[in-house]
Each structure stands twice: as structure tokens, then as C-alpha cells.
Amino acid sequence: MMATNLMSSYKTWLKYRETRSELSRLDNRELADLGISRHDIKSIAKQAAGY
């Protein structure tokens, strides 16, 4: 059970990290085209990961 929770937490963290990294690579114009400001990246990544 503990291993399952650990694996689930790790997968959630990976999803957060991947999303944040991908959005951070975009320039401000690309983010604006998506309706995202650089300030929003962290919260969007958390939402995508299910935090």
C-alpha cells in the first residue's frame, strides 16, 4: 500500500514537472496565444497534475 501511494505521488510530481517545464519553454507570445501568462504556469501545472 505504501509503495502504491509513493508511486502515485511520484507520477503526480512527474506530471507537474513535465507540464511546468513544457510551458516554461514557451516564449511570452506563445503563452499569450494560449491565454496563459508566465505567472500562471505554476498553478496550471498543479491543476494538470491533480494537486
PDB file of N, CA and C in Angstrom:
ATOM      1  N   MET A   1       0.827  -1.193   0.000  1.00  0.00           N
ATOM      2  CA  MET A   1       0.000   0.000   0.000  1.00  0.00           C
ATOM      3  C   MET A   1       0.873   1.258   0.000  1.00  0.00           C
ATOM      4  N   MET A   2       1.866   1.282   0.836  1.00  0.00           N
ATOM      5  CA  MET A   2       2.743   2.448   0.896  1.00  0.00           C
ATOM      6  C   MET A   2       3.486   2.641  -0.426  1.00  0.00           C
ATOM      7  N   ALA A   3       3.890   1.540  -1.049  1.00  0.00           N
ATOM      8  CA  ALA A   3       4.569   1.630  -2.346  1.00  0.00           C
ATOM      9  C   ALA A   3       3.639   2.194  -3.410  1.00  0.00           C
ATOM     10  N   THR A   4       2.374   1.835  -3.352  1.00  0.00           N
ATOM     11  CA  THR A   4       1.388   2.348  -4.305  1.00  0.00           C
ATOM     12  C   THR A   4       1.215   3.851  -4.129  1.00  0.00           C
ATOM     13  N   ASN A   5       1.119   4.302  -2.880  1.00  0.00           N
ATOM     14  CA  ASN A   5       0.982   5.740  -2.616  1.00  0.00           C
ATOM     15  C   ASN A   5       2.223   6.490  -3.058  1.00  0.00           C
ATOM     16  N   LEU A   6       3.378   5.905  -2.816  1.00  0.00           N
ATOM     17  CA  LEU A   6       4.633   6.529  -3.214  1.00  0.00           C
ATOM     18  C   LEU A   6       4.703   6.650  -4.734  1.00  0.00           C
ATOM     19  N   MET A   7       4.332   5.606  -5.431  1.00  0.00           N
ATOM     20  CA  MET A   7       4.364   5.611  -6.892  1.00  0.00           C
ATOM     21  C   MET A   7       3.360   6.619  -7.444  1.00  0.00           C
ATOM     22  N   SER A   8       2.190   6.682  -6.843  1.00  0.00           N
ATOM     23  CA  SER A   8       1.177   7.637  -7.273  1.00  0.00           C
ATOM     24  C   SER A   8       1.668   9.070  -7.067  1.00  0.00           C
ATOM     25  N   SER A   9       2.276   9.327  -5.919  1.00  0.00           N
ATOM     26  CA  SER A   9       2.817  10.659  -5.643  1.00  0.00           C
ATOM     27  C   SER A   9       3.916  11.026  -6.627  1.00  0.00           C
ATOM     28  N   TYR A  10       4.750  10.066  -6.951  1.00  0.00           N
ATOM     29  CA  TYR A  10       5.838  10.298  -7.896  1.00  0.00           C
ATOM     30  C   TYR A  10       5.292  10.613  -9.279  1.00  0.00           C
ATOM     31  N   LYS A  11       4.288   9.883  -9.719  1.00  0.00           N
ATOM     32  CA  LYS A  11       3.680  10.123 -11.031  1.00  0.00           C
ATOM     33  C   LYS A  11       3.020  11.502 -11.086  1.00  0.00           C
ATOM     34  N   THR A  12       2.376  11.888  -9.992  1.00  0.00           N
ATOM     35  CA  THR A  12       1.768  13.214  -9.921  1.00  0.00           C
ATOM     36  C   THR A  12       2.829  14.291 -10.028  1.00  0.00           C
ATOM     37  N   TRP A  13       3.909  14.114  -9.281  1.00  0.00           N
ATOM     38  CA  TRP A  13       5.011  15.076  -9.315  1.00  0.00           C
ATOM     39  C   TRP A  13       5.627  15.153 -10.704  1.00  0.00           C
ATOM     40  N   LEU A  14       5.809  14.000 -11.377  1.00  0.00           N
ATOM     41  CA  LEU A  14       6.356  13.993 -12.736  1.00  0.00           C
ATOM     42  C   LEU A  14       5.465  14.770 -13.696  1.00  0.00           C
ATOM     43  N   LYS A  15       4.160  14.566 -13.595  1.00  0.00           N
ATOM     44  CA  LYS A  15       3.220  15.282 -14.458  1.00  0.00           C
ATOM     45  C   LYS A  15       3.318  16.784 -14.216  1.00  0.00           C
ATOM     46  N   TYR A  16       3.410  17.189 -12.951  1.00  0.00           N
ATOM     47  CA  TYR A  16       3.574  18.599 -12.606  1.00  0.00           C
ATOM     48  C   TYR A  16       4.852  19.145 -13.219  1.00  0.00           C
ATOM     49  N   ARG A  17       5.950  18.426 -13.041  1.00  0.00           N
ATOM     50  CA  ARG A  17       7.252  18.865 -13.537  1.00  0.00           C
ATOM     51  C   ARG A  17       7.278  18.964 -15.060  1.00  0.00           C
ATOM     52  N   GLU A  18       6.703  17.974 -15.733  1.00  0.00           N
ATOM     53  CA  GLU A  18       6.657  17.978 -17.203  1.00  0.00           C
ATOM     54  C   GLU A  18       5.847  19.167 -17.723  1.00  0.00           C
ATOM     55  N   THR A  19       4.692  19.370 -17.145  1.00  0.00           N
ATOM     56  CA  THR A  19       3.823  20.465 -17.588  1.00  0.00           C
ATOM     57  C   THR A  19       4.494  21.809 -17.359  1.00  0.00           C
ATOM     58  N   ARG A  20       5.056  21.985 -16.171  1.00  0.00           N
ATOM     59  CA  ARG A  20       5.724  23.256 -15.856  1.00  0.00           C
ATOM     60  C   ARG A  20       6.906  23.491 -16.793  1.00  0.00           C
ATOM     61  N   SER A  21       7.664  22.451 -17.052  1.00  0.00           N
ATOM     62  CA  SER A  21       8.830  22.565 -17.925  1.00  0.00           C
ATOM     63  C   SER A  21       8.418  22.923 -19.361  1.00  0.00           C
ATOM     64  N   GLU A  22       7.402  22.237 -19.862  1.00  0.00           N
ATOM     65  CA  GLU A  22       6.952  22.498 -21.235  1.00  0.00           C
ATOM     66  C   GLU A  22       6.424  23.919 -21.389  1.00  0.00           C
ATOM     67  N   LEU A  23       5.626  24.371 -20.433  1.00  0.00           N
ATOM     68  CA  LEU A  23       5.088  25.726 -20.519  1.00  0.00           C
ATOM     69  C   LEU A  23       6.187  26.773 -20.339  1.00  0.00           C
ATOM     70  N   SER A  24       7.159  26.490 -19.511  1.00  0.00           N
ATOM     71  CA  SER A  24       8.258  27.434 -19.276  1.00  0.00           C
ATOM     72  C   SER A  24       9.127  27.628 -20.513  1.00  0.00           C
ATOM     73  N   ARG A  25       9.166  26.626 -21.372  1.00  0.00           N
ATOM     74  CA  ARG A  25       9.962  26.728 -22.601  1.00  0.00           C
ATOM     75  C   ARG A  25       9.332  27.643 -23.643  1.00  0.00           C
ATOM     76  N   LEU A  26       8.034  27.894 -23.518  1.00  0.00           N
ATOM     77  CA  LEU A  26       7.358  28.762 -24.473  1.00  0.00           C
ATOM     78  C   LEU A  26       7.730  30.214 -24.212  1.00  0.00           C
ATOM     79  N   ASP A  27       7.784  30.995 -25.280  1.00  0.00           N
ATOM     80  CA  ASP A  27       8.054  32.424 -25.066  1.00  0.00           C
ATOM     81  C   ASP A  27       6.736  33.118 -24.706  1.00  0.00           C
ATOM     82  N   ASN A  28       6.842  34.375 -24.312  1.00  0.00           N
ATOM     83  CA  ASN A  28       5.670  35.106 -23.827  1.00  0.00           C
ATOM     84  C   ASN A  28       4.569  35.221 -24.877  1.00  0.00           C
ATOM     85  N   ARG A  29       4.950  35.354 -26.131  1.00  0.00           N
ATOM     86  CA  ARG A  29       3.939  35.448 -27.192  1.00  0.00           C
ATOM     87  C   ARG A  29       3.180  34.129 -27.356  1.00  0.00           C
ATOM     88  N   GLU A  30       3.908  33.015 -27.324  1.00  0.00           N
ATOM     89  CA  GLU A  30       3.252  31.708 -27.427  1.00  0.00           C
ATOM     90  C   GLU A  30       2.316  31.480 -26.244  1.00  0.00           C
ATOM     91  N   LEU A  31       2.756  31.860 -25.063  1.00  0.00           N
ATOM     92  CA  LEU A  31       1.896  31.730 -23.887  1.00  0.00           C
ATOM     93  C   LEU A  31       0.649  32.597 -24.040  1.00  0.00           C
ATOM     94  N   ALA A  32       0.839  33.823 -24.525  1.00  0.00           N
ATOM     95  CA  ALA A  32      -0.296  34.731 -24.718  1.00  0.00           C
ATOM     96  C   ALA A  32      -1.287  34.156 -25.732  1.00  0.00           C
ATOM     97  N   ASP A  33      -0.775  33.509 -26.772  1.00  0.00           N
ATOM     98  CA  ASP A  33      -1.661  32.885 -27.759  1.00  0.00           C
ATOM     99  C   ASP A  33      -2.540  31.807 -27.110  1.00  0.00           C
ATOM    100  N   LEU A  34      -2.022  31.183 -26.051  1.00  0.00           N
ATOM    101  CA  LEU A  34      -2.768  30.154 -25.328  1.00  0.00           C
ATOM    102  C   LEU A  34      -3.620  30.744 -24.202  1.00  0.00           C
ATOM    103  N   GLY A  35      -3.502  32.055 -24.014  1.00  0.00           N
ATOM    104  CA  GLY A  35      -4.249  32.708 -22.949  1.00  0.00           C
ATOM    105  C   GLY A  35      -3.641  32.485 -21.572  1.00  0.00           C
ATOM    106  N   ILE A  36      -2.319  32.269 -21.537  1.00  0.00           N
ATOM    107  CA  ILE A  36      -1.612  31.984 -20.296  1.00  0.00           C
ATOM    108  C   ILE A  36      -0.552  33.050 -20.071  1.00  0.00           C
ATOM    109  N   SER A  37      -0.440  33.516 -18.848  1.00  0.00           N
ATOM    110  CA  SER A  37       0.672  34.405 -18.513  1.00  0.00           C
ATOM    111  C   SER A  37       1.743  33.572 -17.818  1.00  0.00           C
ATOM    112  N   ARG A  38       2.950  34.042 -17.852  1.00  0.00           N
ATOM    113  CA  ARG A  38       4.049  33.318 -17.221  1.00  0.00           C
ATOM    114  C   ARG A  38       3.770  33.088 -15.733  1.00  0.00           C
ATOM    115  N   HIS A  39       3.076  34.025 -15.136  1.00  0.00           N
ATOM    116  CA  HIS A  39       2.716  33.935 -13.718  1.00  0.00           C
ATOM    117  C   HIS A  39       1.793  32.747 -13.441  1.00  0.00           C
ATOM    118  N   ASP A  40       1.022  32.320 -14.428  1.00  0.00           N
ATOM    119  CA  ASP A  40       0.038  31.245 -14.258  1.00  0.00           C
ATOM    120  C   ASP A  40       0.613  29.845 -14.395  1.00  0.00           C
ATOM    121  N   ILE A  41       1.833  29.722 -14.861  1.00  0.00           N
ATOM    122  CA  ILE A  41       2.398  28.406 -15.185  1.00  0.00           C
ATOM    123  C   ILE A  41       2.351  27.446 -14.000  1.00  0.00           C
ATOM    124  N   LYS A  42       2.779  27.896 -12.847  1.00  0.00           N
ATOM    125  CA  LYS A  42       2.829  27.008 -11.677  1.00  0.00           C
ATOM    126  C   LYS A  42       1.440  26.479 -11.326  1.00  0.00           C
ATOM    127  N   SER A  43       0.440  27.345 -11.312  1.00  0.00           N
ATOM    128  CA  SER A  43      -0.902  26.893 -10.942  1.00  0.00           C
ATOM    129  C   SER A  43      -1.508  25.985 -12.020  1.00  0.00           C
ATOM    130  N   ILE A  44      -1.218  26.273 -13.270  1.00  0.00           N
ATOM    131  CA  ILE A  44      -1.714  25.407 -14.347  1.00  0.00           C
ATOM    132  C   ILE A  44      -1.072  24.016 -14.255  1.00  0.00           C
ATOM    133  N   ALA A  45       0.212  23.983 -13.965  1.00  0.00           N
ATOM    134  CA  ALA A  45       0.911  22.702 -13.822  1.00  0.00           C
ATOM    135  C   ALA A  45       0.348  21.911 -12.642  1.00  0.00           C
ATOM    136  N   LYS A  46       0.053  22.584 -11.549  1.00  0.00           N
ATOM    137  CA  LYS A  46      -0.545  21.905 -10.389  1.00  0.00           C
ATOM    138  C   LYS A  46      -1.902  21.334 -10.747  1.00  0.00           C
ATOM    139  N   GLN A  47      -2.696  22.100 -11.460  1.00  0.00           N
ATOM    140  CA  GLN A  47      -4.029  21.646 -11.859  1.00  0.00           C
ATOM    141  C   GLN A  47      -3.912  20.446 -12.806  1.00  0.00           C
ATOM    142  N   ALA A  48      -2.996  20.497 -13.753  1.00  0.00           N
ATOM    143  CA  ALA A  48      -2.819  19.399 -14.701  1.00  0.00           C
ATOM    144  C   ALA A  48      -2.390  18.115 -14.002  1.00  0.00           C
ATOM    145  N   ALA A  49      -1.603  18.269 -12.947  1.00  0.00           N
ATOM    146  CA  ALA A  49      -1.117  17.099 -12.216  1.00  0.00           C
ATOM    147  C   ALA A  49      -2.142  16.558 -11.225  1.00  0.00           C
ATOM    148  N   GLY A  50      -3.139  17.361 -10.916  1.00  0.00           N
ATOM    149  CA  GLY A  50      -4.174  16.911  -9.987  1.00  0.00           C
ATOM    150  C   GLY A  50      -3.896  17.271  -8.540  1.00  0.00           C
ATOM    151  N   TYR A  51      -3.062  18.267  -8.324  1.00  0.00           N
ATOM    152  CA  TYR A  51      -2.808  18.729  -6.952  1.00  0.00           C
ATOM    153  C   TYR A  51      -3.984  19.490  -6.443  1.00  0.00           C
TER     154      TYR A  51
END
